């Protein structure tokens, strides 16, 4: 089963995304900040880091850079509602995919499937 570490500071969004990904068949661990995600990346194996970019203490871009150091096999996908931040993410973490808010949950699940080359249809 694909394991996803979700770092999202907004509680409602974190719950919403976690449920959607779990319903689609993924194992999801959710945290509210990058500083909580980093130790998990060091201790456990995750296939995907799904991170908001704008978060307190450690933003998603720094988290992705640290993820690449401690868990280089983990793929990275950003979610953000800020267009300017999307440009920065594309520049500083070019290997990561960026999904801009607002998005439909089906779009999120389909994008995660694309990251892993899965052809099956989203189950929502």
Protein backbone atom coordinates (compact mmCIF):
# COMPACT_ATOMS: atom_id res chain seq x y z
CA UNK A 1 0.00 0.00 0.00
CA UNK A 2 1.28 3.46 -0.90
CA UNK A 3 2.07 5.54 2.18
CA UNK A 4 1.52 9.29 2.10
CA UNK A 5 2.74 11.84 4.63
CA UNK A 6 0.42 14.84 4.50
CA UNK A 7 1.68 18.14 5.94
CA UNK A 8 -1.13 20.71 6.01
CA UNK A 9 -1.59 23.39 8.68
CA UNK A 10 -5.31 23.96 8.10
CA UNK A 11 -7.17 21.37 10.19
CA UNK A 12 -10.29 21.21 8.02
CA UNK A 13 -8.25 20.82 4.84
CA UNK A 14 -5.99 18.23 6.50
CA UNK A 15 -9.00 16.14 7.57
CA UNK A 16 -10.68 16.53 4.18
CA UNK A 17 -7.58 15.49 2.22
CA UNK A 18 -6.75 12.63 4.58
CA UNK A 19 -10.21 11.12 4.23
CA UNK A 20 -10.23 11.46 0.45
CA UNK A 21 -6.83 9.78 0.12
CA UNK A 22 -7.74 7.03 2.57
CA UNK A 23 -11.00 6.41 0.70
CA UNK A 24 -8.94 6.10 -2.48
CA UNK A 25 -6.91 3.31 -0.85
CA UNK A 26 -3.83 5.11 0.44
CA UNK A 27 -2.27 4.86 3.90
CA UNK A 28 -2.12 8.46 5.16
CA UNK A 29 -0.30 9.98 8.12
CA UNK A 30 -1.24 13.64 8.62
CA UNK A 31 0.60 16.36 10.54
CA UNK A 32 -0.02 20.09 10.91
CA UNK A 33 3.48 21.43 10.18
CA UNK A 34 6.76 20.65 8.50
CA UNK A 35 8.64 20.42 11.79
CA UNK A 36 6.37 17.50 12.75
CA UNK A 37 6.76 15.85 9.34
CA UNK A 38 10.56 15.84 9.26
CA UNK A 39 11.11 13.39 12.15
CA UNK A 40 8.56 11.02 10.60
CA UNK A 41 10.44 11.12 7.29
CA UNK A 42 13.59 10.11 9.18
CA UNK A 43 11.90 7.29 11.13
CA UNK A 44 9.40 5.78 8.69
CA UNK A 45 9.17 4.99 4.99
CA UNK A 46 6.80 7.14 2.93
CA UNK A 47 6.21 6.94 -0.79
CA UNK A 48 4.89 10.50 -1.09
CA UNK A 49 5.18 13.73 0.84
CA UNK A 50 2.08 15.82 0.11
CA UNK A 51 2.70 19.24 1.58
CA UNK A 52 1.11 22.63 1.71
CA UNK A 53 3.72 25.21 0.85
CA UNK A 54 2.74 27.99 3.25
CA UNK A 55 2.98 26.65 6.81
CA UNK A 56 4.33 27.97 10.12
CA UNK A 57 7.83 27.11 11.38
CA UNK A 58 8.99 25.31 8.20
CA UNK A 59 7.40 25.90 4.82
CA UNK A 60 6.73 23.10 2.38
CA UNK A 61 9.65 23.97 0.13
CA UNK A 62 12.16 23.69 2.96
CA UNK A 63 10.44 20.49 4.06
CA UNK A 64 10.80 19.07 0.54
CA UNK A 65 14.49 19.97 0.47
CA UNK A 66 15.03 18.29 3.84
CA UNK A 67 12.96 15.30 2.68
CA UNK A 68 15.30 14.90 -0.27
CA UNK A 69 18.23 14.72 2.16
CA UNK A 70 16.75 12.24 4.67
CA UNK A 71 14.44 10.23 2.41
CA UNK A 72 15.51 10.68 -1.23
CA UNK A 73 13.19 7.94 -2.50
CA UNK A 74 10.10 9.84 -1.27
CA UNK A 75 8.28 11.68 -4.05
CA UNK A 76 7.01 15.22 -3.35
CA UNK A 77 3.81 16.98 -4.31
CA UNK A 78 2.83 20.48 -3.19
CA UNK A 79 -0.61 21.94 -2.66
CA UNK A 80 -1.01 25.69 -2.50
CA UNK A 81 -3.45 28.50 -3.02
CA UNK A 82 -0.84 31.11 -3.89
CA UNK A 83 0.23 31.56 -7.52
CA UNK A 84 3.51 33.31 -6.63
CA UNK A 85 4.41 30.49 -4.28
CA UNK A 86 3.76 28.01 -7.09
CA UNK A 87 6.44 29.73 -9.17
CA UNK A 88 8.91 29.57 -6.27
CA UNK A 89 8.15 25.89 -5.72
CA UNK A 90 8.70 25.10 -9.38
CA UNK A 91 12.04 26.87 -9.26
CA UNK A 92 13.33 25.49 -5.95
CA UNK A 93 11.92 21.96 -6.19
CA UNK A 94 11.56 21.26 -9.92
CA UNK A 95 11.04 17.53 -9.42
CA UNK A 96 7.90 18.12 -7.33
CA UNK A 97 4.41 18.41 -8.73
CA UNK A 98 2.27 21.38 -7.71
CA UNK A 99 -1.50 21.24 -7.36
CA UNK A 100 -3.12 24.67 -6.99
CA UNK A 101 -6.09 25.27 -4.70
CA UNK A 102 -8.97 25.14 -5.17
CA UNK A 103 -9.07 21.65 -6.63
CA UNK A 104 -11.58 18.83 -6.68
CA UNK A 105 -10.69 15.76 -4.63
CA UNK A 106 -10.81 13.67 -7.80
CA UNK A 107 -8.04 15.90 -9.22
CA UNK A 108 -5.91 15.25 -6.15
CA UNK A 109 -6.37 11.49 -6.33
CA UNK A 110 -5.70 11.45 -10.08
CA UNK A 111 -2.53 13.49 -9.60
CA UNK A 112 -1.30 11.10 -6.89
CA UNK A 113 -2.01 8.20 -9.23
CA UNK A 114 0.01 9.94 -11.97
CA UNK A 115 2.95 10.35 -9.60
CA UNK A 116 3.03 6.57 -9.19
CA UNK A 117 2.13 5.72 -12.79
CA UNK A 118 -1.16 4.14 -11.78
CA UNK A 119 -3.75 3.86 -14.52
CA UNK A 120 -6.72 2.90 -12.36
CA UNK A 121 -9.60 5.32 -11.95
CA UNK A 122 -9.97 7.41 -8.82
CA UNK A 123 -12.19 5.88 -6.19
CA UNK A 124 -14.03 8.60 -4.30
